[in-house]
PDB file of N, CA and C in Angstrom:
ATOM      1  N   UNK A   1     -11.950  11.232   8.729  1.00  0.00           N
ATOM      2  CA  UNK A   1     -11.375   9.754   9.236  1.00  0.00           C
ATOM      3  C   UNK A   1     -11.446   9.012   7.699  1.00  0.00           C
ATOM      4  N   UNK A   2      -9.654   9.293   7.529  1.00  0.00           N
ATOM      5  CA  UNK A   2      -9.130   8.203   6.356  1.00  0.00           C
ATOM      6  C   UNK A   2      -7.710   8.252   6.312  1.00  0.00           C
ATOM      7  N   UNK A   3      -7.128   7.359   5.576  1.00  0.00           N
ATOM      8  CA  UNK A   3      -5.834   6.992   5.556  1.00  0.00           C
ATOM      9  C   UNK A   3      -5.092   7.940   4.488  1.00  0.00           C
ATOM     10  N   UNK A   4      -3.926   8.432   4.721  1.00  0.00           N
ATOM     11  CA  UNK A   4      -3.234   9.368   3.940  1.00  0.00           C
ATOM     12  C   UNK A   4      -1.627   8.585   3.727  1.00  0.00           C
ATOM     13  N   UNK A   5      -1.856   8.194   2.144  1.00  0.00           N
ATOM     14  CA  UNK A   5      -0.606   7.371   1.867  1.00  0.00           C
ATOM     15  C   UNK A   5       0.369   8.455   1.526  1.00  0.00           C
ATOM     16  N   UNK A   6       1.821   8.222   1.522  1.00  0.00           N
ATOM     17  CA  UNK A   6       2.877   9.287   1.307  1.00  0.00           C
ATOM     18  C   UNK A   6       3.918   8.166   0.921  1.00  0.00           C
ATOM     19  N   UNK A   7       4.960   9.359   0.487  1.00  0.00           N
ATOM     20  CA  UNK A   7       6.474   8.558   0.252  1.00  0.00           C
ATOM     21  C   UNK A   7       6.822   8.457  -1.077  1.00  0.00           C
ATOM     22  N   UNK A   8       5.774   8.237  -2.004  1.00  0.00           N
ATOM     23  CA  UNK A   8       5.991   8.149  -3.370  1.00  0.00           C
ATOM     24  C   UNK A   8       7.118   8.995  -3.965  1.00  0.00           C
ATOM     25  N   UNK A   9       7.472   8.895  -5.327  1.00  0.00           N
ATOM     26  CA  UNK A   9       8.386   9.717  -6.030  1.00  0.00           C
ATOM     27  C   UNK A   9       8.811   8.977  -7.279  1.00  0.00           C
ATOM     28  N   UNK A  10      10.102   9.767  -7.769  1.00  0.00           N
ATOM     29  CA  UNK A  10      10.393   9.120  -8.921  1.00  0.00           C
ATOM     30  C   UNK A  10      11.736   8.046  -8.819  1.00  0.00           C
ATOM     31  N   UNK A  11      11.942   6.697  -9.402  1.00  0.00           N
ATOM     32  CA  UNK A  11      12.981   6.130  -9.035  1.00  0.00           C
ATOM     33  C   UNK A  11      13.514   5.669 -10.372  1.00  0.00           C
ATOM     34  N   UNK A  12      14.763   4.906 -10.252  1.00  0.00           N
ATOM     35  CA  UNK A  12      15.356   3.846 -11.315  1.00  0.00           C
ATOM     36  C   UNK A  12      14.884   2.850 -11.337  1.00  0.00           C
ATOM     37  N   UNK A  13      14.769   2.019 -12.515  1.00  0.00           N
ATOM     38  CA  UNK A  13      14.669   0.399 -12.074  1.00  0.00           C
ATOM     39  C   UNK A  13      15.626  -0.033 -11.337  1.00  0.00           C
ATOM     40  N   UNK A  14      14.827  -1.220 -10.473  1.00  0.00           N
ATOM     41  CA  UNK A  14      15.940  -1.785  -9.721  1.00  0.00           C
ATOM     42  C   UNK A  14      16.018  -0.649  -8.179  1.00  0.00           C
ATOM     43  N   UNK A  15      15.524   0.399  -8.255  1.00  0.00           N
ATOM     44  CA  UNK A  15      15.370   1.087  -6.820  1.00  0.00           C
ATOM     45  C   UNK A  15      14.471   0.653  -5.962  1.00  0.00           C
ATOM     46  N   UNK A  16      14.421   1.623  -4.466  1.00  0.00           N
ATOM     47  CA  UNK A  16      13.379   1.191  -3.639  1.00  0.00           C
ATOM     48  C   UNK A  16      12.697   2.536  -3.487  1.00  0.00           C
ATOM     49  N   UNK A  17      11.664   2.191  -2.608  1.00  0.00           N
ATOM     50  CA  UNK A  17      10.846   3.414  -1.967  1.00  0.00           C
ATOM     51  C   UNK A  17      10.207   2.810  -0.880  1.00  0.00           C
ATOM     52  N   UNK A  18       9.642   3.438   0.266  1.00  0.00           N
ATOM     53  CA  UNK A  18       9.182   2.805   1.382  1.00  0.00           C
ATOM     54  C   UNK A  18       7.793   4.074   1.412  1.00  0.00           C
ATOM     55  N   UNK A  19       6.790   3.433   1.269  1.00  0.00           N
ATOM     56  CA  UNK A  19       5.643   4.111   1.305  1.00  0.00           C
ATOM     57  C   UNK A  19       5.016   4.233   2.922  1.00  0.00           C
ATOM     58  N   UNK A  20       4.300   5.252   3.210  1.00  0.00           N
ATOM     59  CA  UNK A  20       3.771   5.232   4.492  1.00  0.00           C
ATOM     60  C   UNK A  20       2.308   5.490   4.672  1.00  0.00           C
ATOM     61  N   UNK A  21       1.270   4.826   5.339  1.00  0.00           N
ATOM     62  CA  UNK A  21      -0.010   5.013   5.206  1.00  0.00           C
ATOM     63  C   UNK A  21      -0.302   5.654   6.799  1.00  0.00           C
ATOM     64  N   UNK A  22      -0.598   6.766   6.872  1.00  0.00           N
ATOM     65  CA  UNK A  22      -1.125   7.227   8.250  1.00  0.00           C
ATOM     66  C   UNK A  22      -2.516   7.341   8.592  1.00  0.00           C
ATOM     67  N   UNK A  23      -2.965   7.218   9.775  1.00  0.00           N
ATOM     68  CA  UNK A  23      -4.639   7.033   9.958  1.00  0.00           C
ATOM     69  C   UNK A  23      -4.650   8.390  10.879  1.00  0.00           C
ATOM     70  N   UNK A  24      -6.045   8.934  10.386  1.00  0.00           N
ATOM     71  CA  UNK A  24      -6.380  10.116  11.114  1.00  0.00           C
ATOM     72  C   UNK A  24      -7.937  10.086  11.608  1.00  0.00           C
ATOM     73  N   UNK A  25      -8.205  10.032  12.554  1.00  0.00           N
ATOM     74  CA  UNK A  25      -9.436   9.806  13.297  1.00  0.00           C
ATOM     75  C   UNK A  25     -10.025   8.300  13.554  1.00  0.00           C
ATOM     76  N   UNK A  26      -8.897   7.405  13.419  1.00  0.00           N
ATOM     77  CA  UNK A  26      -9.242   6.266  14.178  1.00  0.00           C
ATOM     78  C   UNK A  26      -8.035   5.574  14.392  1.00  0.00           C
ATOM     79  N   UNK A  27      -7.973   4.756  15.106  1.00  0.00           N
ATOM     80  CA  UNK A  27      -6.959   3.770  15.598  1.00  0.00           C
ATOM     81  C   UNK A  27      -6.553   2.544  14.627  1.00  0.00           C
ATOM     82  N   UNK A  28      -5.641   2.225  14.203  1.00  0.00           N
ATOM     83  CA  UNK A  28      -5.315   1.276  13.027  1.00  0.00           C
ATOM     84  C   UNK A  28      -5.176   0.080  13.443  1.00  0.00           C
ATOM     85  N   UNK A  29      -5.104  -0.308  14.957  1.00  0.00           N
ATOM     86  CA  UNK A  29      -4.815  -1.589  15.115  1.00  0.00           C
ATOM     87  C   UNK A  29      -5.802  -2.364  15.064  1.00  0.00           C
ATOM     88  N   UNK A  30      -7.050  -1.911  15.051  1.00  0.00           N
ATOM     89  CA  UNK A  30      -8.314  -2.770  14.999  1.00  0.00           C
ATOM     90  C   UNK A  30      -8.801  -3.175  13.578  1.00  0.00           C
ATOM     91  N   UNK A  31      -8.031  -2.675  12.537  1.00  0.00           N
ATOM     92  CA  UNK A  31      -8.260  -2.955  11.371  1.00  0.00           C
ATOM     93  C   UNK A  31      -7.234  -3.588  10.313  1.00  0.00           C
ATOM     94  N   UNK A  32      -7.768  -4.366   9.475  1.00  0.00           N
ATOM     95  CA  UNK A  32      -6.813  -4.925   8.422  1.00  0.00           C
ATOM     96  C   UNK A  32      -6.550  -3.529   7.406  1.00  0.00           C
ATOM     97  N   UNK A  33      -5.399  -3.495   7.359  1.00  0.00           N
ATOM     98  CA  UNK A  33      -4.928  -2.582   6.125  1.00  0.00           C
ATOM     99  C   UNK A  33      -4.270  -3.080   4.934  1.00  0.00           C
ATOM    100  N   UNK A  34      -4.978  -2.513   3.973  1.00  0.00           N
ATOM    101  CA  UNK A  34      -4.077  -2.686   2.449  1.00  0.00           C
ATOM    102  C   UNK A  34      -3.481  -1.910   1.660  1.00  0.00           C
ATOM    103  N   UNK A  35      -2.818  -2.125   1.041  1.00  0.00           N
ATOM    104  CA  UNK A  35      -2.194  -1.448  -0.091  1.00  0.00           C
ATOM    105  C   UNK A  35      -2.632  -1.528  -1.154  1.00  0.00           C
ATOM    106  N   UNK A  36      -3.007  -1.057  -2.248  1.00  0.00           N
ATOM    107  CA  UNK A  36      -3.534  -0.639  -3.573  1.00  0.00           C
ATOM    108  C   UNK A  36      -2.643  -0.014  -4.714  1.00  0.00           C
ATOM    109  N   UNK A  37      -2.935  -0.187  -5.659  1.00  0.00           N
ATOM    110  CA  UNK A  37      -2.334   0.663  -6.931  1.00  0.00           C
ATOM    111  C   UNK A  37      -3.212   0.706  -8.233  1.00  0.00           C
ATOM    112  N   UNK A  38      -3.136   2.010  -8.820  1.00  0.00           N
ATOM    113  CA  UNK A  38      -3.916   2.099 -10.002  1.00  0.00           C
ATOM    114  C   UNK A  38      -2.822   2.770 -10.972  1.00  0.00           C
ATOM    115  N   UNK A  39      -2.578   1.976 -12.075  1.00  0.00           N
ATOM    116  CA  UNK A  39      -1.698   2.468 -13.203  1.00  0.00           C
ATOM    117  C   UNK A  39      -2.493   3.039 -14.228  1.00  0.00           C
ATOM    118  N   UNK A  40      -1.982   3.974 -15.089  1.00  0.00           N
ATOM    119  CA  UNK A  40      -2.967   4.773 -15.884  1.00  0.00           C
ATOM    120  C   UNK A  40      -3.772   3.785 -16.902  1.00  0.00           C
ATOM    121  N   UNK A  41      -4.830   3.816 -17.083  1.00  0.00           N
ATOM    122  CA  UNK A  41      -5.681   2.759 -17.871  1.00  0.00           C
ATOM    123  C   UNK A  41      -5.906   1.698 -17.483  1.00  0.00           C
ATOM    124  N   UNK A  42      -5.723   1.378 -15.960  1.00  0.00           N
ATOM    125  CA  UNK A  42      -5.981   0.214 -15.393  1.00  0.00           C
ATOM    126  C   UNK A  42      -6.784   0.212 -14.330  1.00  0.00           C
ATOM    127  N   UNK A  43      -7.236  -1.058 -13.924  1.00  0.00           N
ATOM    128  CA  UNK A  43      -8.199  -1.126 -12.670  1.00  0.00           C
ATOM    129  C   UNK A  43      -7.071  -1.201 -11.481  1.00  0.00           C
ATOM    130  N   UNK A  44      -7.690  -0.480 -10.616  1.00  0.00           N
ATOM    131  CA  UNK A  44      -7.230  -0.481  -9.082  1.00  0.00           C
ATOM    132  C   UNK A  44      -6.820  -2.045  -8.611  1.00  0.00           C
ATOM    133  N   UNK A  45      -5.769  -2.442  -8.302  1.00  0.00           N
ATOM    134  CA  UNK A  45      -5.575  -3.882  -7.654  1.00  0.00           C
ATOM    135  C   UNK A  45      -4.932  -3.746  -6.481  1.00  0.00           C
ATOM    136  N   UNK A  46      -5.182  -4.902  -5.668  1.00  0.00           N
ATOM    137  CA  UNK A  46      -4.698  -5.153  -4.363  1.00  0.00           C
ATOM    138  C   UNK A  46      -3.287  -5.501  -4.482  1.00  0.00           C
ATOM    139  N   UNK A  47      -2.069  -4.959  -3.699  1.00  0.00           N
ATOM    140  CA  UNK A  47      -0.820  -5.460  -3.813  1.00  0.00           C
ATOM    141  C   UNK A  47      -0.150  -5.871  -2.317  1.00  0.00           C
ATOM    142  N   UNK A  48      -0.883  -5.542  -1.516  1.00  0.00           N
ATOM    143  CA  UNK A  48      -0.477  -6.014  -0.051  1.00  0.00           C
ATOM    144  C   UNK A  48      -1.334  -5.966   0.862  1.00  0.00           C
ATOM    145  N   UNK A  49      -1.496  -6.752   2.109  1.00  0.00           N
ATOM    146  CA  UNK A  49      -2.526  -6.469   3.024  1.00  0.00           C
ATOM    147  C   UNK A  49      -2.010  -7.071   4.567  1.00  0.00           C
ATOM    148  N   UNK A  50      -2.093  -6.189   5.496  1.00  0.00           N
ATOM    149  CA  UNK A  50      -1.429  -6.623   6.722  1.00  0.00           C
ATOM    150  C   UNK A  50      -3.147  -6.842   7.726  1.00  0.00           C
ATOM    151  N   UNK A  51      -2.927  -8.233   8.427  1.00  0.00           N
ATOM    152  CA  UNK A  51      -4.395  -8.198   9.091  1.00  0.00           C
ATOM    153  C   UNK A  51      -3.923  -7.567  10.558  1.00  0.00           C
ATOM    154  N   UNK A  52      -5.062  -7.496  11.240  1.00  0.00           N
ATOM    155  CA  UNK A  52      -4.955  -7.189  12.736  1.00  0.00           C
ATOM    156  C   UNK A  52      -4.040  -7.942  13.369  1.00  0.00           C
ATOM    157  N   UNK A  53      -3.955  -9.166  13.190  1.00  0.00           N
ATOM    158  CA  UNK A  53      -3.017  -9.851  14.095  1.00  0.00           C
ATOM    159  C   UNK A  53      -1.549  -9.996  13.647  1.00  0.00           C
ATOM    160  N   UNK A  54      -1.227  -9.086  12.168  1.00  0.00           N
ATOM    161  CA  UNK A  54       0.152  -9.338  11.759  1.00  0.00           C
ATOM    162  C   UNK A  54      -0.091  -9.907  10.666  1.00  0.00           C
ATOM    163  N   UNK A  55      -0.542 -11.016  10.382  1.00  0.00           N
ATOM    164  CA  UNK A  55      -0.419 -11.895   9.267  1.00  0.00           C
ATOM    165  C   UNK A  55      -0.487 -10.804   7.711  1.00  0.00           C
ATOM    166  N   UNK A  56       0.387 -11.183   6.759  1.00  0.00           N
ATOM    167  CA  UNK A  56       0.541 -10.503   5.874  1.00  0.00           C
ATOM    168  C   UNK A  56       0.297 -11.445   4.416  1.00  0.00           C
ATOM    169  N   UNK A  57      -0.230 -10.575   3.265  1.00  0.00           N
ATOM    170  CA  UNK A  57      -0.855 -11.192   2.190  1.00  0.00           C
ATOM    171  C   UNK A  57      -0.350 -10.425   1.118  1.00  0.00           C
ATOM    172  N   UNK A  58      -0.074 -10.985  -0.158  1.00  0.00           N
ATOM    173  CA  UNK A  58       0.375 -10.131  -1.022  1.00  0.00           C
ATOM    174  C   UNK A  58       0.656 -11.170  -2.424  1.00  0.00           C
ATOM    175  N   UNK A  59       0.058 -10.580  -3.482  1.00  0.00           N
ATOM    176  CA  UNK A  59      -0.074 -11.370  -4.761  1.00  0.00           C
ATOM    177  C   UNK A  59       1.620 -11.908  -5.297  1.00  0.00           C
ATOM    178  N   UNK A  60       1.504 -12.944  -6.063  1.00  0.00           N
ATOM    179  CA  UNK A  60       2.626 -13.365  -6.633  1.00  0.00           C
ATOM    180  C   UNK A  60       3.934 -12.304  -7.381  1.00  0.00           C
ATOM    181  N   UNK A  61       2.936 -11.216  -7.913  1.00  0.00           N
ATOM    182  CA  UNK A  61       3.621 -10.477  -8.613  1.00  0.00           C
ATOM    183  C   UNK A  61       4.666  -9.460  -7.879  1.00  0.00           C
ATOM    184  N   UNK A  62       4.273  -9.354  -6.409  1.00  0.00           N
ATOM    185  CA  UNK A  62       5.020  -8.604  -5.794  1.00  0.00           C
ATOM    186  C   UNK A  62       5.759  -9.309  -4.691  1.00  0.00           C
ATOM    187  N   UNK A  63       5.187 -10.492  -4.364  1.00  0.00           N
ATOM    188  CA  UNK A  63       6.281 -11.372  -3.409  1.00  0.00           C
ATOM    189  C   UNK A  63       7.584 -11.385  -3.735  1.00  0.00           C
ATOM    190  N   UNK A  64       8.367 -11.018  -2.393  1.00  0.00           N
ATOM    191  CA  UNK A  64       9.717 -10.818  -2.477  1.00  0.00           C
ATOM    192  C   UNK A  64      10.376  -9.604  -2.864  1.00  0.00           C
ATOM    193  N   UNK A  65       9.483  -8.590  -3.223  1.00  0.00           N
ATOM    194  CA  UNK A  65       9.950  -7.396  -3.660  1.00  0.00           C
ATOM    195  C   UNK A  65       9.401  -6.214  -2.772  1.00  0.00           C
ATOM    196  N   UNK A  66       7.971  -6.539  -2.249  1.00  0.00           N
ATOM    197  CA  UNK A  66       7.008  -5.859  -1.357  1.00  0.00           C
ATOM    198  C   UNK A  66       7.144  -6.104  -0.081  1.00  0.00           C
ATOM    199  N   UNK A  67       7.128  -5.252   0.923  1.00  0.00           N
ATOM    200  CA  UNK A  67       6.910  -5.770   2.395  1.00  0.00           C
ATOM    201  C   UNK A  67       6.252  -4.844   2.922  1.00  0.00           C
ATOM    202  N   UNK A  68       4.701  -5.449   3.727  1.00  0.00           N
ATOM    203  CA  UNK A  68       4.057  -4.747   4.260  1.00  0.00           C
ATOM    204  C   UNK A  68       4.399  -4.857   5.847  1.00  0.00           C
ATOM    205  N   UNK A  69       4.181  -3.789   6.721  1.00  0.00           N
ATOM    206  CA  UNK A  69       4.362  -3.865   8.300  1.00  0.00           C
ATOM    207  C   UNK A  69       3.308  -2.826   8.650  1.00  0.00           C
ATOM    208  N   UNK A  70       3.338  -2.941  10.010  1.00  0.00           N
ATOM    209  CA  UNK A  70       2.343  -2.118  10.713  1.00  0.00           C
ATOM    210  C   UNK A  70       3.166  -1.520  11.817  1.00  0.00           C
ATOM    211  N   UNK A  71       2.777  -0.440  12.220  1.00  0.00           N
ATOM    212  CA  UNK A  71       3.404   0.095  13.764  1.00  0.00           C
ATOM    213  C   UNK A  71       2.185   0.618  14.443  1.00  0.00           C
ATOM    214  N   UNK A  72       1.662  -0.106  14.960  1.00  0.00           N
ATOM    215  CA  UNK A  72       0.439   0.478  15.412  1.00  0.00           C
ATOM    216  C   UNK A  72       0.696   1.538  16.471  1.00  0.00           C
ATOM    217  N   UNK A  73       1.783   1.524  17.420  1.00  0.00           N
ATOM    218  CA  UNK A  73       2.191   2.501  18.167  1.00  0.00           C
ATOM    219  C   UNK A  73       2.241   3.958  17.528  1.00  0.00           C
ATOM    220  N   UNK A  74       2.587   3.972  16.438  1.00  0.00           N
ATOM    221  CA  UNK A  74       2.528   5.331  15.815  1.00  0.00           C
ATOM    222  C   UNK A  74       1.505   5.351  14.505  1.00  0.00           C
ATOM    223  N   UNK A  75       0.302   4.227  14.573  1.00  0.00           N
ATOM    224  CA  UNK A  75      -0.579   4.740  13.815  1.00  0.00           C
ATOM    225  C   UNK A  75      -0.534   4.671  12.307  1.00  0.00           C
ATOM    226  N   UNK A  76       0.845   3.909  11.985  1.00  0.00           N
ATOM    227  CA  UNK A  76       1.242   3.660  10.424  1.00  0.00           C
ATOM    228  C   UNK A  76       1.595   2.286   9.746  1.00  0.00           C
ATOM    229  N   UNK A  77       1.074   2.095   8.844  1.00  0.00           N
ATOM    230  CA  UNK A  77       1.356   1.187   8.171  1.00  0.00           C
ATOM    231  C   UNK A  77       2.419   1.669   7.074  1.00  0.00           C
ATOM    232  N   UNK A  78       3.309   0.814   6.755  1.00  0.00           N
ATOM    233  CA  UNK A  78       4.223   0.847   5.769  1.00  0.00           C
ATOM    234  C   UNK A  78       4.180  -0.029   4.647  1.00  0.00           C
ATOM    235  N   UNK A  79       4.801   0.302   3.434  1.00  0.00           N
ATOM    236  CA  UNK A  79       5.239  -0.857   2.506  1.00  0.00           C
ATOM    237  C   UNK A  79       6.334  -0.298   1.773  1.00  0.00           C
ATOM    238  N   UNK A  80       7.312  -1.258   1.889  1.00  0.00           N
ATOM    239  CA  UNK A  80       8.760  -1.052   1.815  1.00  0.00           C
ATOM    240  C   UNK A  80       8.605  -1.885   0.255  1.00  0.00           C
ATOM    241  N   UNK A  81       9.096  -1.288  -0.979  1.00  0.00           N
ATOM    242  CA  UNK A  81       9.336  -1.738  -2.163  1.00  0.00           C
ATOM    243  C   UNK A  81      10.943  -1.746  -2.689  1.00  0.00           C
ATOM    244  N   UNK A  82      11.023  -2.695  -3.040  1.00  0.00           N
ATOM    245  CA  UNK A  82      12.500  -2.775  -3.490  1.00  0.00           C
ATOM    246  C   UNK A  82      12.329  -3.443  -5.129  1.00  0.00           C
ATOM    247  N   UNK A  83      13.755  -3.420  -5.640  1.00  0.00           N
ATOM    248  CA  UNK A  83      13.580  -3.921  -7.254  1.00  0.00           C
ATOM    249  C   UNK A  83      12.500  -3.284  -7.928  1.00  0.00           C
ATOM    250  N   UNK A  84      12.217  -2.182  -7.964  1.00  0.00           N
ATOM    251  CA  UNK A  84      11.112  -1.577  -8.650  1.00  0.00           C
ATOM    252  C   UNK A  84      11.373  -1.876 -10.219  1.00  0.00           C
ATOM    253  N   UNK A  85      10.329  -1.961 -11.112  1.00  0.00           N
ATOM    254  CA  UNK A  85      10.347  -1.809 -12.341  1.00  0.00           C
ATOM    255  C   UNK A  85       9.265  -1.069 -12.945  1.00  0.00           C
ATOM    256  N   UNK A  86       9.437  -0.551 -14.395  1.00  0.00           N
ATOM    257  CA  UNK A  86       8.605   0.636 -14.764  1.00  0.00           C
ATOM    258  C   UNK A  86       7.308  -0.133 -14.746  1.00  0.00           C
ATOM    259  N   UNK A  87       6.765  -1.399 -14.933  1.00  0.00           N
ATOM    260  CA  UNK A  87       5.383  -1.655 -14.426  1.00  0.00           C
ATOM    261  C   UNK A  87       4.818  -1.351 -13.212  1.00  0.00           C
ATOM    262  N   UNK A  88       5.653  -1.118 -12.307  1.00  0.00           N
ATOM    263  CA  UNK A  88       5.350  -0.836 -11.105  1.00  0.00           C
ATOM    264  C   UNK A  88       4.966   0.715 -11.054  1.00  0.00           C
ATOM    265  N   UNK A  89       4.945   1.402 -11.859  1.00  0.00           N
ATOM    266  CA  UNK A  89       4.250   2.823 -12.064  1.00  0.00           C
ATOM    267  C   UNK A  89       2.860   2.915 -11.712  1.00  0.00           C
ATOM    268  N   UNK A  90       2.485   3.452 -10.897  1.00  0.00           N
ATOM    269  CA  UNK A  90       1.208   3.911 -10.460  1.00  0.00           C
ATOM    270  C   UNK A  90       1.148   4.825  -9.589  1.00  0.00           C
ATOM    271  N   UNK A  91      -0.174   4.935  -9.086  1.00  0.00           N
ATOM    272  CA  UNK A  91      -0.803   5.934  -8.011  1.00  0.00           C
ATOM    273  C   UNK A  91      -0.890   4.560  -6.873  1.00  0.00           C
ATOM    274  N   UNK A  92      -0.372   4.938  -5.555  1.00  0.00           N
ATOM    275  CA  UNK A  92      -0.414   3.854  -4.799  1.00  0.00           C
ATOM    276  C   UNK A  92      -1.504   4.563  -3.611  1.00  0.00           C
ATOM    277  N   UNK A  93      -2.233   3.448  -2.889  1.00  0.00           N
ATOM    278  CA  UNK A  93      -3.438   4.129  -2.129  1.00  0.00           C
ATOM    279  C   UNK A  93      -3.321   3.108  -1.086  1.00  0.00           C
ATOM    280  N   UNK A  94      -4.150   3.226   0.238  1.00  0.00           N
ATOM    281  CA  UNK A  94      -3.985   2.537   0.984  1.00  0.00           C
ATOM    282  C   UNK A  94      -5.346   2.602   1.863  1.00  0.00           C
ATOM    283  N   UNK A  95      -6.251   1.492   2.371  1.00  0.00           N
ATOM    284  CA  UNK A  95      -7.470   1.712   2.824  1.00  0.00           C
ATOM    285  C   UNK A  95      -7.809   0.681   3.732  1.00  0.00           C
ATOM    286  N   UNK A  96      -8.536   0.403   4.452  1.00  0.00           N
ATOM    287  CA  UNK A  96      -9.016  -0.326   5.707  1.00  0.00           C
ATOM    288  C   UNK A  96      -9.969  -1.278   5.122  1.00  0.00           C
ATOM    289  N   UNK A  97     -10.117  -2.694   5.707  1.00  0.00           N
ATOM    290  CA  UNK A  97     -11.276  -3.401   5.231  1.00  0.00           C
ATOM    291  C   UNK A  97     -10.868  -5.001   5.700  1.00  0.00           C
ATOM    292  N   UNK A  98     -11.089  -6.074   5.005  1.00  0.00           N
ATOM    293  CA  UNK A  98     -10.596  -7.096   5.690  1.00  0.00           C
ATOM    294  C   UNK A  98      -9.705  -7.607   4.272  1.00  0.00           C
ATOM    295  N   UNK A  99      -8.640  -8.252   4.666  1.00  0.00           N
ATOM    296  CA  UNK A  99      -7.577  -8.857   3.877  1.00  0.00           C
ATOM    297  C   UNK A  99      -8.270  -9.947   2.839  1.00  0.00           C
ATOM    298  N   UNK A 100      -9.289 -10.679   3.459  1.00  0.00           N
ATOM    299  CA  UNK A 100      -9.739 -11.826   2.479  1.00  0.00           C
ATOM    300  C   UNK A 100     -11.054 -11.227   1.865  1.00  0.00           C
ATOM    301  N   UNK A 101     -11.174 -10.298   2.051  1.00  0.00           N
ATOM    302  CA  UNK A 101     -12.595  -9.469   1.261  1.00  0.00           C
ATOM    303  C   UNK A 101     -12.291  -8.682  -0.138  1.00  0.00           C
ATOM    304  N   UNK A 102     -13.402  -8.483  -0.538  1.00  0.00           N
ATOM    305  CA  UNK A 102     -13.084  -7.881  -1.921  1.00  0.00           C
ATOM    306  C   UNK A 102     -12.667  -6.516  -2.064  1.00  0.00           C
ATOM    307  N   UNK A 103     -11.754  -6.095  -2.997  1.00  0.00           N
ATOM    308  CA  UNK A 103     -11.590  -4.475  -3.073  1.00  0.00           C
ATOM    309  C   UNK A 103     -12.646  -3.822  -2.776  1.00  0.00           C
ATOM    310  N   UNK A 104     -13.647  -3.942  -3.091  1.00  0.00           N
ATOM    311  CA  UNK A 104     -14.972  -3.087  -3.025  1.00  0.00           C
ATOM    312  C   UNK A 104     -15.379  -3.088  -1.614  1.00  0.00           C
ATOM    313  N   UNK A 105     -15.034  -3.717  -0.476  1.00  0.00           N
ATOM    314  CA  UNK A 105     -15.227  -3.507   0.651  1.00  0.00           C
ATOM    315  C   UNK A 105     -14.430  -2.668   1.669  1.00  0.00           C
ATOM    316  N   UNK A 106     -13.232  -2.261   1.048  1.00  0.00           N
ATOM    317  CA  UNK A 106     -12.360  -1.249   1.564  1.00  0.00           C
ATOM    318  C   UNK A 106     -12.718  -0.041   1.861  1.00  0.00           C
ATOM    319  N   UNK A 107     -12.386   0.673   2.769  1.00  0.00           N
ATOM    320  CA  UNK A 107     -13.011   2.020   2.478  1.00  0.00           C
ATOM    321  C   UNK A 107     -12.282   2.881   3.345  1.00  0.00           C
ATOM    322  N   UNK A 108     -11.930   4.202   3.565  1.00  0.00           N
ATOM    323  CA  UNK A 108     -11.266   5.304   4.270  1.00  0.00           C
ATOM    324  C   UNK A 108     -10.152   5.584   3.206  1.00  0.00           C
ATOM    325  N   UNK A 109     -10.448   5.519   1.640  1.00  0.00           N
ATOM    326  CA  UNK A 109      -9.595   5.812   1.065  1.00  0.00           C
ATOM    327  C   UNK A 109      -9.152   7.216   1.081  1.00  0.00           C
ATOM    328  N   UNK A 110      -7.720   7.649   0.913  1.00  0.00           N
ATOM    329  CA  UNK A 110      -7.435   8.914   0.990  1.00  0.00           C
ATOM    330  C   UNK A 110      -6.721   9.113  -0.394  1.00  0.00           C
ATOM    331  N   UNK A 111      -6.083  10.337  -0.577  1.00  0.00           N
ATOM    332  CA  UNK A 111      -5.231  10.571  -1.848  1.00  0.00           C
ATOM    333  C   UNK A 111      -3.982   9.570  -1.914  1.00  0.00           C
ATOM    334  N   UNK A 112      -3.825   9.265  -2.859  1.00  0.00           N
ATOM    335  CA  UNK A 112      -2.731   8.332  -3.279  1.00  0.00           C
ATOM    336  C   UNK A 112      -1.619   8.832  -3.439  1.00  0.00           C
ATOM    337  N   UNK A 113      -0.201   7.976  -3.451  1.00  0.00           N
ATOM    338  CA  UNK A 113       0.727   8.488  -3.754  1.00  0.00           C
ATOM    339  C   UNK A 113       1.529   8.056  -4.851  1.00  0.00           C
ATOM    340  N   UNK A 114       2.249   8.903  -6.047  1.00  0.00           N
ATOM    341  CA  UNK A 114       2.344   8.671  -7.063  1.00  0.00           C
ATOM    342  C   UNK A 114       3.922   8.043  -7.161  1.00  0.00           C
ATOM    343  N   UNK A 115       3.917   6.782  -7.592  1.00  0.00           N
ATOM    344  CA  UNK A 115       5.269   6.359  -7.900  1.00  0.00           C
ATOM    345  C   UNK A 115       5.634   5.939  -9.293  1.00  0.00           C
ATOM    346  N   UNK A 116       6.740   6.479  -9.627  1.00  0.00           N
ATOM    347  CA  UNK A 116       7.257   6.520 -11.189  1.00  0.00           C
ATOM    348  C   UNK A 116       8.277   5.987 -11.444  1.00  0.00           C
ATOM    349  N   UNK A 117       8.575   4.730 -11.715  1.00  0.00           N
ATOM    350  CA  UNK A 117       9.805   4.040 -12.326  1.00  0.00           C
ATOM    351  C   UNK A 117      10.125   4.299 -13.647  1.00  0.00           C
ATOM    352  N   UNK A 118      11.112   4.802 -13.949  1.00  0.00           N
ATOM    353  CA  UNK A 118      11.624   5.261 -15.162  1.00  0.00           C
ATOM    354  C   UNK A 118      13.330   5.573 -15.356  1.00  0.00           C
ATOM    355  N   UNK A 119      13.626   5.065 -16.532  1.00  0.00           N
ATOM    356  CA  UNK A 119      15.159   5.151 -16.562  1.00  0.00           C
ATOM    357  C   UNK A 119      15.394   6.635 -17.020  1.00  0.00           C
TER     358      UNK A 119
END
């Protein structure tokens, strides 16, 4: 029972990527799903969350650039990222929890997907 992030890769500054978060062993529609990232030498941080009713949350650092969406019919949550910058380089993860809760309460972490932004 876990979530698997995919879709990472290497892009140039200003580029775009769309990440996918697929669930196995449970139905996504009953949970809030968050996207997180961890850059080398830094703590894991939350970057987007979508609640069960479709409300989305994101910190100011990614607002206007990252868009989270959910496709409950296919059991997938997406993260569309545009205008990427080198500081967005990190391993990206998804997990289930409560959008208003702390990172420590999220669970079903899977292996992340690496995003590298470099010229």
